[in-house]
């Protein structure tokens, strides 16, 4: 249990805007992520997308990502995957 508490403190030090509950979620996710070895092969990510967000939008995105246990980038990628394909858009 002491190891887990240390991780929460480390997460809080890295992300001072997170409250203790969200820091615990992140620490737990990092602990679980380290134990799992994924065999999923993904294509390399070579492109980037830059956007400007308000403080509120960024906070909303970060909080959602923390609650889901994923990165903010992964939230964007998941959203993009749900968008219709080019063929679907052209048919409309």
C-alpha atoms as a PDB file:
ATOM      1  CA  UNK A   1       0.000   0.000   0.000  1.00  0.00           C
ATOM      2  CA  UNK A   2       2.893   2.385   0.724  1.00  0.00           C
ATOM      3  CA  UNK A   3       4.095   1.966  -2.866  1.00  0.00           C
ATOM      4  CA  UNK A   4       0.680   3.056  -4.159  1.00  0.00           C
ATOM      5  CA  UNK A   5       0.635   6.161  -1.936  1.00  0.00           C
ATOM      6  CA  UNK A   6       4.087   7.134  -3.210  1.00  0.00           C
ATOM      7  CA  UNK A   7       2.815   6.889  -6.772  1.00  0.00           C
ATOM      8  CA  UNK A   8      -0.139   9.151  -5.957  1.00  0.00           C
ATOM      9  CA  UNK A   9       2.317  11.697  -4.543  1.00  0.00           C
ATOM     10  CA  UNK A  10       4.464  11.390  -7.662  1.00  0.00           C
ATOM     11  CA  UNK A  11       1.453  11.944  -9.925  1.00  0.00           C
ATOM     12  CA  UNK A  12       0.376  14.939  -7.828  1.00  0.00           C
ATOM     13  CA  UNK A  13       3.877  16.375  -8.146  1.00  0.00           C
ATOM     14  CA  UNK A  14       3.792  15.930 -11.937  1.00  0.00           C
ATOM     15  CA  UNK A  15       0.232  17.243 -12.350  1.00  0.00           C
ATOM     16  CA  UNK A  16      -0.440  19.779  -9.593  1.00  0.00           C
ATOM     17  CA  UNK A  17      -3.855  20.703 -11.059  1.00  0.00           C
ATOM     18  CA  UNK A  18      -5.226  17.196 -10.365  1.00  0.00           C
ATOM     19  CA  UNK A  19      -7.075  16.625  -7.158  1.00  0.00           C
ATOM     20  CA  UNK A  20      -6.134  13.645  -4.978  1.00  0.00           C
ATOM     21  CA  UNK A  21      -8.946  11.443  -6.305  1.00  0.00           C
ATOM     22  CA  UNK A  22      -7.912  11.917  -9.940  1.00  0.00           C
ATOM     23  CA  UNK A  23      -4.242  11.496  -9.026  1.00  0.00           C
ATOM     24  CA  UNK A  24      -5.135   8.154  -7.446  1.00  0.00           C
ATOM     25  CA  UNK A  25      -6.907   7.094 -10.643  1.00  0.00           C
ATOM     26  CA  UNK A  26      -3.859   8.016 -12.720  1.00  0.00           C
ATOM     27  CA  UNK A  27      -1.487   6.237 -10.315  1.00  0.00           C
ATOM     28  CA  UNK A  28      -3.655   3.111 -10.396  1.00  0.00           C
ATOM     29  CA  UNK A  29      -3.779   3.226 -14.200  1.00  0.00           C
ATOM     30  CA  UNK A  30      -0.002   3.580 -14.438  1.00  0.00           C
ATOM     31  CA  UNK A  31       0.425   0.657 -12.045  1.00  0.00           C
ATOM     32  CA  UNK A  32      -1.946  -1.546 -14.062  1.00  0.00           C
ATOM     33  CA  UNK A  33      -0.480  -0.393 -17.363  1.00  0.00           C
ATOM     34  CA  UNK A  34       2.990  -1.447 -16.304  1.00  0.00           C
ATOM     35  CA  UNK A  35       1.815  -4.944 -15.401  1.00  0.00           C
ATOM     36  CA  UNK A  36       0.011  -5.560 -18.701  1.00  0.00           C
ATOM     37  CA  UNK A  37       2.007  -6.388 -21.804  1.00  0.00           C
ATOM     38  CA  UNK A  38      -0.029  -5.554 -24.866  1.00  0.00           C
ATOM     39  CA  UNK A  39       0.555  -7.528 -28.053  1.00  0.00           C
ATOM     40  CA  UNK A  40      -1.495  -5.098 -30.149  1.00  0.00           C
ATOM     41  CA  UNK A  41       0.501  -3.679 -33.042  1.00  0.00           C
ATOM     42  CA  UNK A  42      -0.487  -0.148 -33.989  1.00  0.00           C
ATOM     43  CA  UNK A  43       0.574   1.843 -36.982  1.00  0.00           C
ATOM     44  CA  UNK A  44       3.234   4.461 -36.281  1.00  0.00           C
ATOM     45  CA  UNK A  45       1.940   7.920 -35.536  1.00  0.00           C
ATOM     46  CA  UNK A  46       3.799  10.257 -37.873  1.00  0.00           C
ATOM     47  CA  UNK A  47       1.303  13.095 -38.294  1.00  0.00           C
ATOM     48  CA  UNK A  48       0.396  15.725 -35.721  1.00  0.00           C
ATOM     49  CA  UNK A  49      -2.557  17.996 -35.074  1.00  0.00           C
ATOM     50  CA  UNK A  50      -2.266  21.232 -33.142  1.00  0.00           C
ATOM     51  CA  UNK A  51      -5.284  23.020 -31.716  1.00  0.00           C
ATOM     52  CA  UNK A  52      -5.917  25.944 -29.414  1.00  0.00           C
ATOM     53  CA  UNK A  53      -8.168  25.326 -26.440  1.00  0.00           C
ATOM     54  CA  UNK A  54      -9.542  27.510 -23.709  1.00  0.00           C
ATOM     55  CA  UNK A  55      -8.469  26.736 -20.168  1.00  0.00           C
ATOM     56  CA  UNK A  56     -11.919  25.286 -19.511  1.00  0.00           C
ATOM     57  CA  UNK A  57     -11.803  23.049 -22.598  1.00  0.00           C
ATOM     58  CA  UNK A  58      -8.331  21.779 -21.722  1.00  0.00           C
ATOM     59  CA  UNK A  59      -9.366  21.075 -18.143  1.00  0.00           C
ATOM     60  CA  UNK A  60     -12.466  19.251 -19.359  1.00  0.00           C
ATOM     61  CA  UNK A  61     -10.362  17.154 -21.758  1.00  0.00           C
ATOM     62  CA  UNK A  62      -7.749  16.305 -19.116  1.00  0.00           C
ATOM     63  CA  UNK A  63     -10.349  15.372 -16.496  1.00  0.00           C
ATOM     64  CA  UNK A  64     -12.183  13.123 -18.962  1.00  0.00           C
ATOM     65  CA  UNK A  65      -8.910  11.452 -19.965  1.00  0.00           C
ATOM     66  CA  UNK A  66      -7.947  10.876 -16.334  1.00  0.00           C
ATOM     67  CA  UNK A  67     -11.332   9.363 -15.489  1.00  0.00           C
ATOM     68  CA  UNK A  68     -11.058   7.036 -18.501  1.00  0.00           C
ATOM     69  CA  UNK A  69      -7.436   6.218 -17.691  1.00  0.00           C
ATOM     70  CA  UNK A  70      -6.124   7.323 -21.094  1.00  0.00           C
ATOM     71  CA  UNK A  71      -4.166  10.252 -22.461  1.00  0.00           C
ATOM     72  CA  UNK A  72      -5.750  13.370 -23.913  1.00  0.00           C
ATOM     73  CA  UNK A  73      -4.305  12.387 -27.295  1.00  0.00           C
ATOM     74  CA  UNK A  74      -6.072   9.043 -27.053  1.00  0.00           C
ATOM     75  CA  UNK A  75      -9.368  10.865 -26.393  1.00  0.00           C
ATOM     76  CA  UNK A  76      -8.877  12.745 -29.683  1.00  0.00           C
ATOM     77  CA  UNK A  77      -7.924   9.568 -31.574  1.00  0.00           C
ATOM     78  CA  UNK A  78     -10.977   7.742 -30.226  1.00  0.00           C
ATOM     79  CA  UNK A  79     -13.207  10.603 -31.346  1.00  0.00           C
ATOM     80  CA  UNK A  80     -11.643  10.655 -34.822  1.00  0.00           C
ATOM     81  CA  UNK A  81     -12.215   6.893 -35.185  1.00  0.00           C
ATOM     82  CA  UNK A  82     -15.951   7.491 -34.619  1.00  0.00           C
ATOM     83  CA  UNK A  83     -16.161  10.000 -37.482  1.00  0.00           C
ATOM     84  CA  UNK A  84     -17.677   8.681 -40.732  1.00  0.00           C
ATOM     85  CA  UNK A  85     -15.334   7.408 -43.439  1.00  0.00           C
ATOM     86  CA  UNK A  86     -14.700   9.524 -46.546  1.00  0.00           C
ATOM     87  CA  UNK A  87     -16.971   7.249 -48.607  1.00  0.00           C
ATOM     88  CA  UNK A  88     -19.824   7.751 -46.131  1.00  0.00           C
ATOM     89  CA  UNK A  89     -19.471  11.526 -46.247  1.00  0.00           C
ATOM     90  CA  UNK A  90     -19.294  11.619 -50.084  1.00  0.00           C
ATOM     91  CA  UNK A  91     -22.478   9.539 -50.395  1.00  0.00           C
ATOM     92  CA  UNK A  92     -24.535  12.114 -48.506  1.00  0.00           C
END
